[in-house]
């Protein structure tokens, strides 16, 4: 899969179980909204399995989503 070029909002996190992903995803979207980021693409979830090998009972994940460029977002909000 090829991802379009642009600005991405991204977070890395450790979780104990896959069930912990839902609250993490909610936090991701809440953070984006608080920072006035406009998400323009799907949420991408990447398991960093090679890092998980070194963390006992923890899974490494990265969440990312394409966002509107800062200048365009600022114009939309009148800043």
C-alpha atoms as a PDB file:
ATOM      1  CA  UNK A   1       0.000   0.000   0.000  1.00  0.00           C
ATOM      2  CA  UNK A   2       1.293   3.451  -0.879  1.00  0.00           C
ATOM      3  CA  UNK A   3       0.414   6.364   1.377  1.00  0.00           C
ATOM      4  CA  UNK A   4      -0.123   9.838  -0.037  1.00  0.00           C
ATOM      5  CA  UNK A   5       2.478  12.471   0.768  1.00  0.00           C
ATOM      6  CA  UNK A   6       1.548  15.128   3.256  1.00  0.00           C
ATOM      7  CA  UNK A   7       1.417  15.946   6.931  1.00  0.00           C
ATOM      8  CA  UNK A   8       0.638  13.100   9.314  1.00  0.00           C
ATOM      9  CA  UNK A   9      -0.327  13.162  12.958  1.00  0.00           C
ATOM     10  CA  UNK A  10       1.345  10.223  14.649  1.00  0.00           C
ATOM     11  CA  UNK A  11       1.645   8.732  18.131  1.00  0.00           C
ATOM     12  CA  UNK A  12       3.544   5.745  19.458  1.00  0.00           C
ATOM     13  CA  UNK A  13       2.232   3.813  22.416  1.00  0.00           C
ATOM     14  CA  UNK A  14       2.630   0.644  24.431  1.00  0.00           C
ATOM     15  CA  UNK A  15      -0.466  -1.393  25.269  1.00  0.00           C
ATOM     16  CA  UNK A  16      -0.979  -4.503  27.334  1.00  0.00           C
ATOM     17  CA  UNK A  17      -3.655  -6.072  25.117  1.00  0.00           C
ATOM     18  CA  UNK A  18      -5.418  -5.381  21.836  1.00  0.00           C
ATOM     19  CA  UNK A  19      -8.484  -4.306  23.844  1.00  0.00           C
ATOM     20  CA  UNK A  20      -6.445  -1.273  24.998  1.00  0.00           C
ATOM     21  CA  UNK A  21      -6.395   0.058  21.438  1.00  0.00           C
ATOM     22  CA  UNK A  22      -9.938   1.480  21.481  1.00  0.00           C
ATOM     23  CA  UNK A  23      -9.234   4.013  24.267  1.00  0.00           C
ATOM     24  CA  UNK A  24      -5.922   4.864  22.580  1.00  0.00           C
ATOM     25  CA  UNK A  25      -7.723   5.579  19.308  1.00  0.00           C
ATOM     26  CA  UNK A  26     -10.233   7.789  21.146  1.00  0.00           C
ATOM     27  CA  UNK A  27      -7.343   9.701  22.751  1.00  0.00           C
ATOM     28  CA  UNK A  28      -5.759  10.140  19.313  1.00  0.00           C
ATOM     29  CA  UNK A  29      -8.919  11.690  17.845  1.00  0.00           C
ATOM     30  CA  UNK A  30      -9.495  13.816  20.974  1.00  0.00           C
ATOM     31  CA  UNK A  31      -5.945  15.163  20.758  1.00  0.00           C
ATOM     32  CA  UNK A  32      -6.350  15.945  17.050  1.00  0.00           C
ATOM     33  CA  UNK A  33      -9.567  17.871  17.776  1.00  0.00           C
ATOM     34  CA  UNK A  34      -8.022  19.821  20.681  1.00  0.00           C
ATOM     35  CA  UNK A  35      -5.091  20.814  18.455  1.00  0.00           C
ATOM     36  CA  UNK A  36      -7.488  21.791  15.615  1.00  0.00           C
ATOM     37  CA  UNK A  37      -6.025  19.196  13.255  1.00  0.00           C
ATOM     38  CA  UNK A  38      -8.370  18.234  10.435  1.00  0.00           C
ATOM     39  CA  UNK A  39      -7.961  14.521   9.690  1.00  0.00           C
ATOM     40  CA  UNK A  40      -8.354  13.948   5.960  1.00  0.00           C
ATOM     41  CA  UNK A  41      -7.441  10.290   5.659  1.00  0.00           C
ATOM     42  CA  UNK A  42      -8.128   6.973   7.346  1.00  0.00           C
ATOM     43  CA  UNK A  43      -6.564   5.978  10.643  1.00  0.00           C
ATOM     44  CA  UNK A  44      -3.499   3.815  10.080  1.00  0.00           C
ATOM     45  CA  UNK A  45      -2.598   1.348  12.815  1.00  0.00           C
ATOM     46  CA  UNK A  46       0.909  -0.130  12.696  1.00  0.00           C
ATOM     47  CA  UNK A  47       2.033  -2.847  15.091  1.00  0.00           C
ATOM     48  CA  UNK A  48       5.758  -2.473  15.719  1.00  0.00           C
ATOM     49  CA  UNK A  49       6.240  -6.177  16.345  1.00  0.00           C
ATOM     50  CA  UNK A  50      10.029  -5.967  16.276  1.00  0.00           C
ATOM     51  CA  UNK A  51       9.900  -3.519  19.221  1.00  0.00           C
ATOM     52  CA  UNK A  52       7.324  -5.655  21.038  1.00  0.00           C
ATOM     53  CA  UNK A  53       9.909  -8.441  21.218  1.00  0.00           C
ATOM     54  CA  UNK A  54      11.884  -6.340  23.705  1.00  0.00           C
ATOM     55  CA  UNK A  55       8.964  -5.309  25.929  1.00  0.00           C
ATOM     56  CA  UNK A  56       7.693  -8.000  28.209  1.00  0.00           C
ATOM     57  CA  UNK A  57       3.887  -8.303  27.990  1.00  0.00           C
ATOM     58  CA  UNK A  58       3.585  -5.035  26.007  1.00  0.00           C
ATOM     59  CA  UNK A  59       2.756  -4.365  22.376  1.00  0.00           C
ATOM     60  CA  UNK A  60       4.140  -1.344  20.505  1.00  0.00           C
ATOM     61  CA  UNK A  61       1.712   0.450  18.203  1.00  0.00           C
ATOM     62  CA  UNK A  62       1.831   3.549  16.068  1.00  0.00           C
ATOM     63  CA  UNK A  63      -1.336   5.421  15.095  1.00  0.00           C
ATOM     64  CA  UNK A  64      -1.208   7.916  12.261  1.00  0.00           C
ATOM     65  CA  UNK A  65      -3.583   9.815  10.021  1.00  0.00           C
ATOM     66  CA  UNK A  66      -3.175  12.273   7.182  1.00  0.00           C
ATOM     67  CA  UNK A  67      -4.058  15.796   8.296  1.00  0.00           C
ATOM     68  CA  UNK A  68      -4.710  19.017   6.477  1.00  0.00           C
ATOM     69  CA  UNK A  69      -1.571  21.135   6.082  1.00  0.00           C
ATOM     70  CA  UNK A  70      -1.210  23.653   8.944  1.00  0.00           C
ATOM     71  CA  UNK A  71      -1.541  26.755   6.729  1.00  0.00           C
ATOM     72  CA  UNK A  72      -4.782  25.508   5.147  1.00  0.00           C
ATOM     73  CA  UNK A  73      -6.182  24.485   8.548  1.00  0.00           C
ATOM     74  CA  UNK A  74      -5.355  27.912  10.028  1.00  0.00           C
ATOM     75  CA  UNK A  75      -7.159  29.686   7.155  1.00  0.00           C
ATOM     76  CA  UNK A  76     -10.235  27.559   7.713  1.00  0.00           C
ATOM     77  CA  UNK A  77     -10.338  28.535  11.408  1.00  0.00           C
ATOM     78  CA  UNK A  78      -9.704  32.203  10.687  1.00  0.00           C
ATOM     79  CA  UNK A  79      -6.312  32.405  12.385  1.00  0.00           C
END
